[in-house]
PDB file of N, CA and C in Angstrom:
ATOM      1  N   MET A   1      51.305 -22.504  15.095  1.00  0.00           N
ATOM      2  CA  MET A   1      49.925 -22.354  14.676  1.00  0.00           C
ATOM      3  C   MET A   1      49.576 -23.451  13.791  1.00  0.00           C
ATOM      4  N   ALA A   2      48.559 -24.204  13.994  1.00  0.00           N
ATOM      5  CA  ALA A   2      48.045 -25.333  13.224  1.00  0.00           C
ATOM      6  C   ALA A   2      47.419 -24.865  11.982  1.00  0.00           C
ATOM      7  N   ASN A   3      47.756 -25.588  10.824  1.00  0.00           N
ATOM      8  CA  ASN A   3      47.111 -25.258   9.638  1.00  0.00           C
ATOM      9  C   ASN A   3      45.587 -25.737   9.603  1.00  0.00           C
ATOM     10  N   LYS A   4      44.811 -24.916   9.046  1.00  0.00           N
ATOM     11  CA  LYS A   4      43.439 -25.296   8.995  1.00  0.00           C
ATOM     12  C   LYS A   4      43.135 -25.741   7.510  1.00  0.00           C
ATOM     13  N   SER A   5      42.280 -26.743   7.486  1.00  0.00           N
ATOM     14  CA  SER A   5      41.922 -27.222   6.109  1.00  0.00           C
ATOM     15  C   SER A   5      41.090 -26.132   5.353  1.00  0.00           C
ATOM     16  N   LYS A   6      41.202 -26.239   3.975  1.00  0.00           N
ATOM     17  CA  LYS A   6      40.400 -25.305   3.267  1.00  0.00           C
ATOM     18  C   LYS A   6      38.890 -25.433   3.520  1.00  0.00           C
ATOM     19  N   THR A   7      38.439 -26.499   3.864  1.00  0.00           N
ATOM     20  CA  THR A   7      36.959 -26.627   4.043  1.00  0.00           C
ATOM     21  C   THR A   7      36.658 -25.921   5.400  1.00  0.00           C
ATOM     22  N   ALA A   8      37.498 -26.010   6.392  1.00  0.00           N
ATOM     23  CA  ALA A   8      37.222 -25.383   7.686  1.00  0.00           C
ATOM     24  C   ALA A   8      37.391 -23.865   7.569  1.00  0.00           C
ATOM     25  N   GLN A   9      38.160 -23.375   6.616  1.00  0.00           N
ATOM     26  CA  GLN A   9      38.345 -21.983   6.496  1.00  0.00           C
ATOM     27  C   GLN A   9      37.167 -21.314   5.637  1.00  0.00           C
ATOM     28  N   LYS A  10      36.491 -22.013   5.027  1.00  0.00           N
ATOM     29  CA  LYS A  10      35.275 -21.467   4.169  1.00  0.00           C
ATOM     30  C   LYS A  10      34.029 -21.225   5.059  1.00  0.00           C
ATOM     31  N   THR A  11      33.451 -20.148   4.945  1.00  0.00           N
ATOM     32  CA  THR A  11      32.350 -19.805   5.614  1.00  0.00           C
ATOM     33  C   THR A  11      31.174 -19.959   4.659  1.00  0.00           C
ATOM     34  N   VAL A  12      30.309 -20.843   5.096  1.00  0.00           N
ATOM     35  CA  VAL A  12      29.189 -21.113   4.263  1.00  0.00           C
ATOM     36  C   VAL A  12      28.012 -20.400   4.686  1.00  0.00           C
ATOM     37  N   LYS A  13      27.433 -19.484   3.730  1.00  0.00           N
ATOM     38  CA  LYS A  13      26.310 -18.745   4.104  1.00  0.00           C
ATOM     39  C   LYS A  13      25.034 -19.411   3.562  1.00  0.00           C
ATOM     40  N   GLN A  14      24.216 -19.652   4.421  1.00  0.00           N
ATOM     41  CA  GLN A  14      22.944 -20.360   3.959  1.00  0.00           C
ATOM     42  C   GLN A  14      21.823 -19.227   3.839  1.00  0.00           C
ATOM     43  N   LYS A  15      21.139 -19.268   2.714  1.00  0.00           N
ATOM     44  CA  LYS A  15      20.117 -18.329   2.443  1.00  0.00           C
ATOM     45  C   LYS A  15      18.823 -18.749   3.265  1.00  0.00           C
ATOM     46  N   SER A  16      18.291 -17.833   3.865  1.00  0.00           N
ATOM     47  CA  SER A  16      16.993 -18.183   4.626  1.00  0.00           C
ATOM     48  C   SER A  16      15.779 -17.643   3.858  1.00  0.00           C
ATOM     49  N   ALA A  17      14.701 -18.304   3.905  1.00  0.00           N
ATOM     50  CA  ALA A  17      13.475 -17.901   3.249  1.00  0.00           C
ATOM     51  C   ALA A  17      12.888 -16.638   4.020  1.00  0.00           C
ATOM     52  N   PRO A  18      12.209 -15.782   3.314  1.00  0.00           N
ATOM     53  CA  PRO A  18      11.682 -14.707   3.890  1.00  0.00           C
ATOM     54  C   PRO A  18      10.764 -15.179   5.101  1.00  0.00           C
ATOM     55  N   ALA A  19      10.570 -14.265   6.156  1.00  0.00           N
ATOM     56  CA  ALA A  19       9.652 -14.535   7.167  1.00  0.00           C
ATOM     57  C   ALA A  19       8.212 -14.622   6.684  1.00  0.00           C
ATOM     58  N   ASP A  20       7.488 -15.670   7.156  1.00  0.00           N
ATOM     59  CA  ASP A  20       6.096 -15.786   6.693  1.00  0.00           C
ATOM     60  C   ASP A  20       5.133 -15.269   7.697  1.00  0.00           C
ATOM     61  N   ILE A  21       5.170 -13.913   7.944  1.00  0.00           N
ATOM     62  CA  ILE A  21       4.337 -13.297   8.841  1.00  0.00           C
ATOM     63  C   ILE A  21       3.145 -12.583   8.159  1.00  0.00           C
ATOM     64  N   PRO A  22       2.022 -12.932   8.321  1.00  0.00           N
ATOM     65  CA  PRO A  22       0.911 -12.222   7.607  1.00  0.00           C
ATOM     66  C   PRO A  22       0.863 -10.729   7.929  1.00  0.00           C
ATOM     67  N   ALA A  23       0.350  -9.914   6.889  1.00  0.00           N
ATOM     68  CA  ALA A  23       0.240  -8.450   7.055  1.00  0.00           C
ATOM     69  C   ALA A  23      -0.812  -8.198   8.342  1.00  0.00           C
ATOM     70  N   ALA A  24      -0.604  -7.094   8.910  1.00  0.00           N
ATOM     71  CA  ALA A  24      -1.440  -6.654  10.065  1.00  0.00           C
ATOM     72  C   ALA A  24      -2.777  -6.373   9.493  1.00  0.00           C
ATOM     73  N   LYS A  25      -3.845  -6.695  10.247  1.00  0.00           N
ATOM     74  CA  LYS A  25      -5.181  -6.269   9.841  1.00  0.00           C
ATOM     75  C   LYS A  25      -5.776  -5.352  10.939  1.00  0.00           C
ATOM     76  N   THR A  26      -5.129  -5.130  12.071  1.00  0.00           N
ATOM     77  CA  THR A  26      -5.603  -4.317  13.071  1.00  0.00           C
ATOM     78  C   THR A  26      -4.344  -3.528  13.666  1.00  0.00           C
ATOM     79  N   VAL A  27      -4.591  -2.532  14.482  1.00  0.00           N
ATOM     80  CA  VAL A  27      -3.421  -1.791  15.128  1.00  0.00           C
ATOM     81  C   VAL A  27      -3.612  -1.827  16.545  1.00  0.00           C
ATOM     82  N   GLU A  28      -2.459  -2.094  17.304  1.00  0.00           N
ATOM     83  CA  GLU A  28      -2.553  -2.221  18.715  1.00  0.00           C
ATOM     84  C   GLU A  28      -2.763  -0.754  19.442  1.00  0.00           C
ATOM     85  N   PRO A  29      -3.124  -0.722  20.604  1.00  0.00           N
ATOM     86  CA  PRO A  29      -3.353   0.586  21.292  1.00  0.00           C
ATOM     87  C   PRO A  29      -2.083   1.495  21.158  1.00  0.00           C
ATOM     88  N   SER A  30      -0.958   0.785  21.135  1.00  0.00           N
ATOM     89  CA  SER A  30       0.387   1.577  21.071  1.00  0.00           C
ATOM     90  C   SER A  30       0.540   2.211  19.741  1.00  0.00           C
ATOM     91  N   GLY A  31      -0.242   1.800  18.826  1.00  0.00           N
ATOM     92  CA  GLY A  31      -0.030   2.286  17.439  1.00  0.00           C
ATOM     93  C   GLY A  31       0.699   1.424  16.489  1.00  0.00           C
ATOM     94  N   ALA A  32       1.262   0.298  17.026  1.00  0.00           N
ATOM     95  CA  ALA A  32       1.944  -0.704  16.247  1.00  0.00           C
ATOM     96  C   ALA A  32       1.137  -1.537  15.658  1.00  0.00           C
ATOM     97  N   PRO A  33       1.461  -2.049  14.427  1.00  0.00           N
ATOM     98  CA  PRO A  33       0.718  -3.045  13.689  1.00  0.00           C
ATOM     99  C   PRO A  33       0.573  -4.254  14.571  1.00  0.00           C
ATOM    100  N   ASP A  34      -0.641  -4.878  14.474  1.00  0.00           N
ATOM    101  CA  ASP A  34      -0.898  -6.168  15.318  1.00  0.00           C
ATOM    102  C   ASP A  34      -0.512  -7.360  14.427  1.00  0.00           C
ATOM    103  N   GLN A  35       0.695  -7.831  14.548  1.00  0.00           N
ATOM    104  CA  GLN A  35       1.122  -9.017  13.758  1.00  0.00           C
ATOM    105  C   GLN A  35       1.516 -10.094  14.726  1.00  0.00           C
ATOM    106  N   VAL A  36       0.974 -11.347  14.389  1.00  0.00           N
ATOM    107  CA  VAL A  36       1.105 -12.463  15.300  1.00  0.00           C
ATOM    108  C   VAL A  36       2.481 -13.146  14.932  1.00  0.00           C
ATOM    109  N   THR A  37       3.299 -13.308  15.827  1.00  0.00           N
ATOM    110  CA  THR A  37       4.588 -13.930  15.762  1.00  0.00           C
ATOM    111  C   THR A  37       4.685 -14.883  16.908  1.00  0.00           C
ATOM    112  N   ASP A  38       5.720 -15.764  16.786  1.00  0.00           N
ATOM    113  CA  ASP A  38       5.992 -16.709  17.934  1.00  0.00           C
ATOM    114  C   ASP A  38       7.149 -16.042  18.721  1.00  0.00           C
ATOM    115  N   VAL A  39       6.832 -15.274  19.683  1.00  0.00           N
ATOM    116  CA  VAL A  39       7.756 -14.589  20.424  1.00  0.00           C
ATOM    117  C   VAL A  39       7.653 -14.956  22.018  1.00  0.00           C
ATOM    118  N   ASP A  40       8.709 -15.410  22.496  1.00  0.00           N
ATOM    119  CA  ASP A  40       8.725 -15.749  23.954  1.00  0.00           C
ATOM    120  C   ASP A  40       8.737 -14.504  24.841  1.00  0.00           C
ATOM    121  N   LEU A  41       7.534 -13.988  25.280  1.00  0.00           N
ATOM    122  CA  LEU A  41       7.581 -12.726  26.030  1.00  0.00           C
ATOM    123  C   LEU A  41       8.195 -12.767  27.328  1.00  0.00           C
ATOM    124  N   GLY A  42       8.505 -14.046  27.787  1.00  0.00           N
ATOM    125  CA  GLY A  42       9.278 -14.192  29.015  1.00  0.00           C
ATOM    126  C   GLY A  42      10.761 -14.092  28.929  1.00  0.00           C
ATOM    127  N   HIS A  43      11.219 -13.970  27.629  1.00  0.00           N
ATOM    128  CA  HIS A  43      12.692 -13.999  27.298  1.00  0.00           C
ATOM    129  C   HIS A  43      13.293 -12.682  27.905  1.00  0.00           C
ATOM    130  N   PRO A  44      14.358 -12.599  28.498  1.00  0.00           N
ATOM    131  CA  PRO A  44      14.977 -11.392  29.105  1.00  0.00           C
ATOM    132  C   PRO A  44      15.261 -10.375  27.925  1.00  0.00           C
ATOM    133  N   ALA A  45      15.361 -10.721  26.677  1.00  0.00           N
ATOM    134  CA  ALA A  45      15.710  -9.702  25.717  1.00  0.00           C
ATOM    135  C   ALA A  45      14.430  -9.100  25.158  1.00  0.00           C
ATOM    136  N   VAL A  46      13.240  -9.530  25.633  1.00  0.00           N
ATOM    137  CA  VAL A  46      11.982  -9.045  25.061  1.00  0.00           C
ATOM    138  C   VAL A  46      11.369  -8.230  26.106  1.00  0.00           C
ATOM    139  N   ASP A  47      10.953  -6.927  25.788  1.00  0.00           N
ATOM    140  CA  ASP A  47      10.236  -6.115  26.718  1.00  0.00           C
ATOM    141  C   ASP A  47       8.711  -6.250  26.437  1.00  0.00           C
ATOM    142  N   ALA A  48       8.125  -7.091  27.269  1.00  0.00           N
ATOM    143  CA  ALA A  48       6.673  -7.334  27.019  1.00  0.00           C
ATOM    144  C   ALA A  48       5.852  -6.133  27.421  1.00  0.00           C
ATOM    145  N   ASN A  49       6.324  -5.101  28.036  1.00  0.00           N
ATOM    146  CA  ASN A  49       5.676  -3.992  28.482  1.00  0.00           C
ATOM    147  C   ASN A  49       6.354  -2.662  28.217  1.00  0.00           C
ATOM    148  N   PRO A  50       6.685  -2.364  26.963  1.00  0.00           N
ATOM    149  CA  PRO A  50       7.532  -1.134  26.729  1.00  0.00           C
ATOM    150  C   PRO A  50       6.987   0.145  27.234  1.00  0.00           C
ATOM    151  N   ARG A  51       5.793   0.248  27.562  1.00  0.00           N
ATOM    152  CA  ARG A  51       5.176   1.451  27.898  1.00  0.00           C
ATOM    153  C   ARG A  51       4.941   1.673  29.389  1.00  0.00           C
ATOM    154  N   GLU A  52       5.577   0.657  30.211  1.00  0.00           N
ATOM    155  CA  GLU A  52       5.350   0.700  31.590  1.00  0.00           C
ATOM    156  C   GLU A  52       6.169   1.939  32.140  1.00  0.00           C
ATOM    157  N   GLN A  53       5.632   2.586  33.017  1.00  0.00           N
ATOM    158  CA  GLN A  53       6.332   3.783  33.698  1.00  0.00           C
ATOM    159  C   GLN A  53       6.330   5.028  32.863  1.00  0.00           C
ATOM    160  N   THR A  54       5.360   5.036  31.723  1.00  0.00           N
ATOM    161  CA  THR A  54       5.233   6.309  30.923  1.00  0.00           C
ATOM    162  C   THR A  54       4.001   6.956  31.283  1.00  0.00           C
ATOM    163  N   THR A  55       3.918   8.252  30.875  1.00  0.00           N
ATOM    164  CA  THR A  55       2.773   8.958  31.082  1.00  0.00           C
ATOM    165  C   THR A  55       1.762   8.968  29.834  1.00  0.00           C
ATOM    166  N   GLU A  56       0.570   9.532  30.082  1.00  0.00           N
ATOM    167  CA  GLU A  56      -0.422   9.511  29.008  1.00  0.00           C
ATOM    168  C   GLU A  56       0.143  10.471  27.830  1.00  0.00           C
ATOM    169  N   ASP A  57       0.772  11.582  28.271  1.00  0.00           N
ATOM    170  CA  ASP A  57       1.332  12.497  27.220  1.00  0.00           C
ATOM    171  C   ASP A  57       2.357  11.770  26.419  1.00  0.00           C
ATOM    172  N   GLN A  58       3.145  10.934  27.001  1.00  0.00           N
ATOM    173  CA  GLN A  58       4.233  10.150  26.247  1.00  0.00           C
ATOM    174  C   GLN A  58       3.691   9.219  25.229  1.00  0.00           C
ATOM    175  N   ASN A  59       2.415   8.684  25.610  1.00  0.00           N
ATOM    176  CA  ASN A  59       1.883   7.618  24.838  1.00  0.00           C
ATOM    177  C   ASN A  59       0.809   8.165  23.752  1.00  0.00           C
ATOM    178  N   ARG A  60       0.615   9.402  23.789  1.00  0.00           N
ATOM    179  CA  ARG A  60      -0.296  10.040  22.834  1.00  0.00           C
ATOM    180  C   ARG A  60       0.158   9.858  21.443  1.00  0.00           C
ATOM    181  N   ILE A  61      -0.571   9.345  20.577  1.00  0.00           N
ATOM    182  CA  ILE A  61      -0.168   9.123  19.158  1.00  0.00           C
ATOM    183  C   ILE A  61      -0.120  10.483  18.414  1.00  0.00           C
ATOM    184  N   ASP A  62       0.779  10.969  17.840  1.00  0.00           N
ATOM    185  CA  ASP A  62       0.849  12.189  17.067  1.00  0.00           C
ATOM    186  C   ASP A  62       1.294  11.997  15.722  1.00  0.00           C
ATOM    187  N   PHE A  63       0.329  11.741  14.771  1.00  0.00           N
ATOM    188  CA  PHE A  63       0.602  11.447  13.329  1.00  0.00           C
ATOM    189  C   PHE A  63       0.963  12.756  12.675  1.00  0.00           C
ATOM    190  N   ASN A  64       2.024  12.695  11.867  1.00  0.00           N
ATOM    191  CA  ASN A  64       2.312  13.843  11.031  1.00  0.00           C
ATOM    192  C   ASN A  64       1.288  13.936   9.955  1.00  0.00           C
ATOM    193  N   ASP A  65       1.013  15.130   9.635  1.00  0.00           N
ATOM    194  CA  ASP A  65       0.031  15.473   8.505  1.00  0.00           C
ATOM    195  C   ASP A  65       0.864  15.870   7.303  1.00  0.00           C
ATOM    196  N   PRO A  66       0.869  15.080   6.302  1.00  0.00           N
ATOM    197  CA  PRO A  66       1.671  15.407   5.070  1.00  0.00           C
ATOM    198  C   PRO A  66       1.074  16.432   4.220  1.00  0.00           C
ATOM    199  N   THR A  67      -0.125  16.946   4.510  1.00  0.00           N
ATOM    200  CA  THR A  67      -0.809  17.915   3.698  1.00  0.00           C
ATOM    201  C   THR A  67      -0.426  19.254   4.160  1.00  0.00           C
ATOM    202  N   ILE A  68       0.161  19.444   5.311  1.00  0.00           N
ATOM    203  CA  ILE A  68       0.577  20.836   5.772  1.00  0.00           C
ATOM    204  C   ILE A  68       2.092  20.942   6.065  1.00  0.00           C
ATOM    205  N   SER A  69       2.629  22.141   6.049  1.00  0.00           N
ATOM    206  CA  SER A  69       3.973  22.246   6.300  1.00  0.00           C
ATOM    207  C   SER A  69       4.342  21.935   7.774  1.00  0.00           C
ATOM    208  N   GLY A  70       5.620  21.786   8.072  1.00  0.00           N
ATOM    209  CA  GLY A  70       6.033  21.657   9.468  1.00  0.00           C
ATOM    210  C   GLY A  70       5.723  22.805  10.284  1.00  0.00           C
ATOM    211  N   ALA A  71       5.901  24.077   9.690  1.00  0.00           N
ATOM    212  CA  ALA A  71       5.799  25.316  10.375  1.00  0.00           C
ATOM    213  C   ALA A  71       4.237  25.471  10.699  1.00  0.00           C
ATOM    214  N   GLU A  72       3.369  25.057   9.791  1.00  0.00           N
ATOM    215  CA  GLU A  72       1.948  25.098   9.925  1.00  0.00           C
ATOM    216  C   GLU A  72       1.537  24.162  11.239  1.00  0.00           C
ATOM    217  N   ALA A  73       2.152  23.077  11.079  1.00  0.00           N
ATOM    218  CA  ALA A  73       1.745  21.921  12.159  1.00  0.00           C
ATOM    219  C   ALA A  73       2.243  22.574  13.560  1.00  0.00           C
ATOM    220  N   VAL A  74       3.318  23.201  13.627  1.00  0.00           N
ATOM    221  CA  VAL A  74       3.903  23.771  14.923  1.00  0.00           C
ATOM    222  C   VAL A  74       2.814  24.878  15.276  1.00  0.00           C
ATOM    223  N   ALA A  75       2.522  25.771  14.434  1.00  0.00           N
ATOM    224  CA  ALA A  75       1.631  26.815  14.694  1.00  0.00           C
ATOM    225  C   ALA A  75       0.227  26.347  15.261  1.00  0.00           C
ATOM    226  N   ARG A  76      -0.214  25.233  14.655  1.00  0.00           N
ATOM    227  CA  ARG A  76      -1.565  24.639  15.061  1.00  0.00           C
ATOM    228  C   ARG A  76      -1.415  24.051  16.549  1.00  0.00           C
ATOM    229  N   HIS A  77      -0.275  23.329  16.812  1.00  0.00           N
ATOM    230  CA  HIS A  77      -0.055  22.800  18.078  1.00  0.00           C
ATOM    231  C   HIS A  77       0.008  23.917  19.178  1.00  0.00           C
ATOM    232  N   LEU A  78       0.677  25.026  18.699  1.00  0.00           N
ATOM    233  CA  LEU A  78       0.923  26.119  19.761  1.00  0.00           C
ATOM    234  C   LEU A  78      -0.440  26.752  20.005  1.00  0.00           C
ATOM    235  N   ALA A  79      -1.211  26.984  18.843  1.00  0.00           N
ATOM    236  CA  ALA A  79      -2.572  27.569  19.068  1.00  0.00           C
ATOM    237  C   ALA A  79      -3.491  26.756  19.965  1.00  0.00           C
ATOM    238  N   GLU A  80      -3.376  25.432  19.854  1.00  0.00           N
ATOM    239  CA  GLU A  80      -4.207  24.571  20.671  1.00  0.00           C
ATOM    240  C   GLU A  80      -3.773  24.715  22.196  1.00  0.00           C
ATOM    241  N   GLN A  81      -2.587  25.181  22.384  1.00  0.00           N
ATOM    242  CA  GLN A  81      -2.090  25.375  23.785  1.00  0.00           C
ATOM    243  C   GLN A  81      -2.300  26.778  24.182  1.00  0.00           C
ATOM    244  N   GLY A  82      -2.817  27.648  23.273  1.00  0.00           N
ATOM    245  CA  GLY A  82      -3.125  28.964  23.639  1.00  0.00           C
ATOM    246  C   GLY A  82      -1.914  29.880  23.542  1.00  0.00           C
ATOM    247  N   GLN A  83      -0.930  29.477  22.691  1.00  0.00           N
ATOM    248  CA  GLN A  83       0.268  30.276  22.522  1.00  0.00           C
ATOM    249  C   GLN A  83       0.303  30.693  21.038  1.00  0.00           C
ATOM    250  N   ALA A  84       0.866  31.914  20.826  1.00  0.00           N
ATOM    251  CA  ALA A  84       1.112  32.430  19.455  1.00  0.00           C
ATOM    252  C   ALA A  84       2.329  32.011  18.941  1.00  0.00           C
ATOM    253  N   SER A  85       2.388  31.869  17.621  1.00  0.00           N
ATOM    254  CA  SER A  85       3.732  31.551  16.997  1.00  0.00           C
ATOM    255  C   SER A  85       3.978  32.656  15.944  1.00  0.00           C
ATOM    256  N   LYS A  86       5.191  32.605  15.479  1.00  0.00           N
ATOM    257  CA  LYS A  86       5.578  33.761  14.471  1.00  0.00           C
ATOM    258  C   LYS A  86       4.705  33.497  13.218  1.00  0.00           C
ATOM    259  N   THR A  87       4.214  32.354  12.940  1.00  0.00           N
ATOM    260  CA  THR A  87       3.488  32.210  11.628  1.00  0.00           C
ATOM    261  C   THR A  87       1.952  32.308  11.838  1.00  0.00           C
ATOM    262  N   SER A  88       1.542  32.675  13.090  1.00  0.00           N
ATOM    263  CA  SER A  88       0.124  32.748  13.398  1.00  0.00           C
ATOM    264  C   SER A  88      -0.372  33.994  12.641  1.00  0.00           C
ATOM    265  N   LYS A  89      -1.536  33.855  12.171  1.00  0.00           N
ATOM    266  CA  LYS A  89      -2.178  34.991  11.422  1.00  0.00           C
ATOM    267  C   LYS A  89      -3.387  35.487  12.260  1.00  0.00           C
ATOM    268  N   ASP A  90      -2.981  36.166  13.413  1.00  0.00           N
ATOM    269  CA  ASP A  90      -4.049  36.737  14.332  1.00  0.00           C
ATOM    270  C   ASP A  90      -4.477  38.144  13.999  1.00  0.00           C
TER     271      ASP A  90
END
Protein backbone atom coordinates (compact mmCIF):
# COMPACT_ATOMS: atom_id res chain seq x y z
CA MET A 1 0.00 0.00 0.00
CA ALA A 2 1.45 3.31 -1.05
CA ASN A 3 1.93 6.08 1.51
CA LYS A 4 -0.26 9.08 0.93
CA SER A 5 1.13 12.49 1.58
CA LYS A 6 -0.27 14.44 4.52
CA THR A 7 -1.80 17.00 2.18
CA ALA A 8 -3.61 14.28 0.27
CA GLN A 9 -4.99 12.84 3.53
CA LYS A 10 -6.46 16.14 4.72
CA THR A 11 -10.02 16.83 3.84
CA VAL A 12 -10.60 20.49 3.28
CA LYS A 13 -14.13 21.61 4.12
CA GLN A 14 -15.10 24.75 2.33
CA LYS A 15 -17.79 26.86 3.89
CA SER A 16 -20.52 27.88 1.52
CA ALA A 17 -22.57 30.99 1.83
CA PRO A 18 -26.25 30.71 2.78
CA ALA A 19 -28.61 30.31 -0.15
CA ASP A 20 -29.86 33.63 -1.43
CA ILE A 21 -33.49 32.66 -2.03
CA PRO A 22 -35.97 35.45 -1.34
CA ALA A 23 -38.86 34.74 1.03
CA ALA A 24 -42.10 33.60 -0.58
CA LYS A 25 -44.75 36.25 -1.14
CA THR A 26 -47.41 33.87 -2.49
CA VAL A 27 -48.47 30.27 -1.97
CA GLU A 28 -48.81 27.66 -4.71
CA PRO A 29 -52.12 25.78 -5.13
CA SER A 30 -50.37 22.79 -3.54
CA GLY A 31 -49.92 24.80 -0.35
CA ALA A 32 -46.18 25.17 -0.82
CA PRO A 33 -44.52 28.58 -0.56
CA ASP A 34 -43.82 30.00 -4.02
CA GLN A 35 -40.08 30.57 -4.03
CA VAL A 36 -38.17 31.08 -7.23
CA THR A 37 -35.07 28.92 -7.60
CA ASP A 38 -32.99 27.75 -10.51
CA VAL A 39 -34.14 24.13 -10.74
CA ASP A 40 -33.90 22.03 -13.87
CA LEU A 41 -37.41 20.52 -13.89
CA GLY A 42 -36.30 18.11 -16.59
CA HIS A 43 -33.70 16.48 -14.32
CA PRO A 44 -34.58 12.86 -13.47
CA ALA A 45 -34.20 13.53 -9.72
CA VAL A 46 -36.82 16.30 -9.78
CA ASP A 47 -40.53 15.50 -9.71
CA ALA A 48 -42.06 18.35 -11.69
CA ASN A 49 -45.60 17.06 -11.05
CA PRO A 50 -45.71 15.50 -7.57
CA ARG A 51 -49.51 15.46 -7.44
CA GLU A 52 -49.98 13.54 -10.67
CA GLN A 53 -52.24 10.49 -10.21
CA THR A 54 -53.70 11.80 -6.91
CA THR A 55 -57.31 12.46 -6.02
CA GLU A 56 -58.98 15.70 -4.96
CA ASP A 57 -59.32 14.33 -1.41
CA GLN A 58 -55.59 13.64 -1.27
CA ASN A 59 -54.88 17.21 -2.34
CA ARG A 60 -57.29 18.94 0.02
CA ILE A 61 -55.35 21.17 2.37
CA ASP A 62 -56.20 20.44 6.00
CA PHE A 63 -54.57 22.99 8.27
CA ASN A 64 -54.30 22.13 11.94
CA ASP A 65 -56.11 24.55 14.23
CA PRO A 66 -53.86 25.36 17.19
CA THR A 67 -56.77 26.90 19.10
CA ILE A 68 -58.59 23.58 19.65
CA SER A 69 -57.55 20.20 21.02
CA GLY A 70 -56.93 17.21 18.78
CA ALA A 71 -60.02 15.49 20.20
CA GLU A 72 -62.15 18.51 19.34
CA ALA A 73 -60.76 18.62 15.82
CA VAL A 74 -61.59 14.93 15.32
CA ALA A 75 -65.10 15.45 16.73
CA ARG A 76 -65.69 18.35 14.32
CA HIS A 77 -64.50 16.35 11.32
CA LEU A 78 -66.67 13.38 12.28
CA ALA A 79 -69.66 15.68 12.79
CA GLU A 80 -69.11 17.13 9.30
CA GLN A 81 -69.36 13.56 8.01
CA GLY A 82 -72.54 12.95 10.01
CA GLN A 83 -70.87 10.64 12.51
CA ALA A 84 -70.94 10.91 16.28
CA SER A 85 -67.81 10.77 18.37
CA LYS A 86 -67.22 9.95 22.03
CA THR A 87 -66.63 13.65 22.73
CA SER A 88 -69.75 14.85 20.89
CA LYS A 89 -72.17 16.76 23.09
CA ASP A 90 -75.42 15.81 21.40
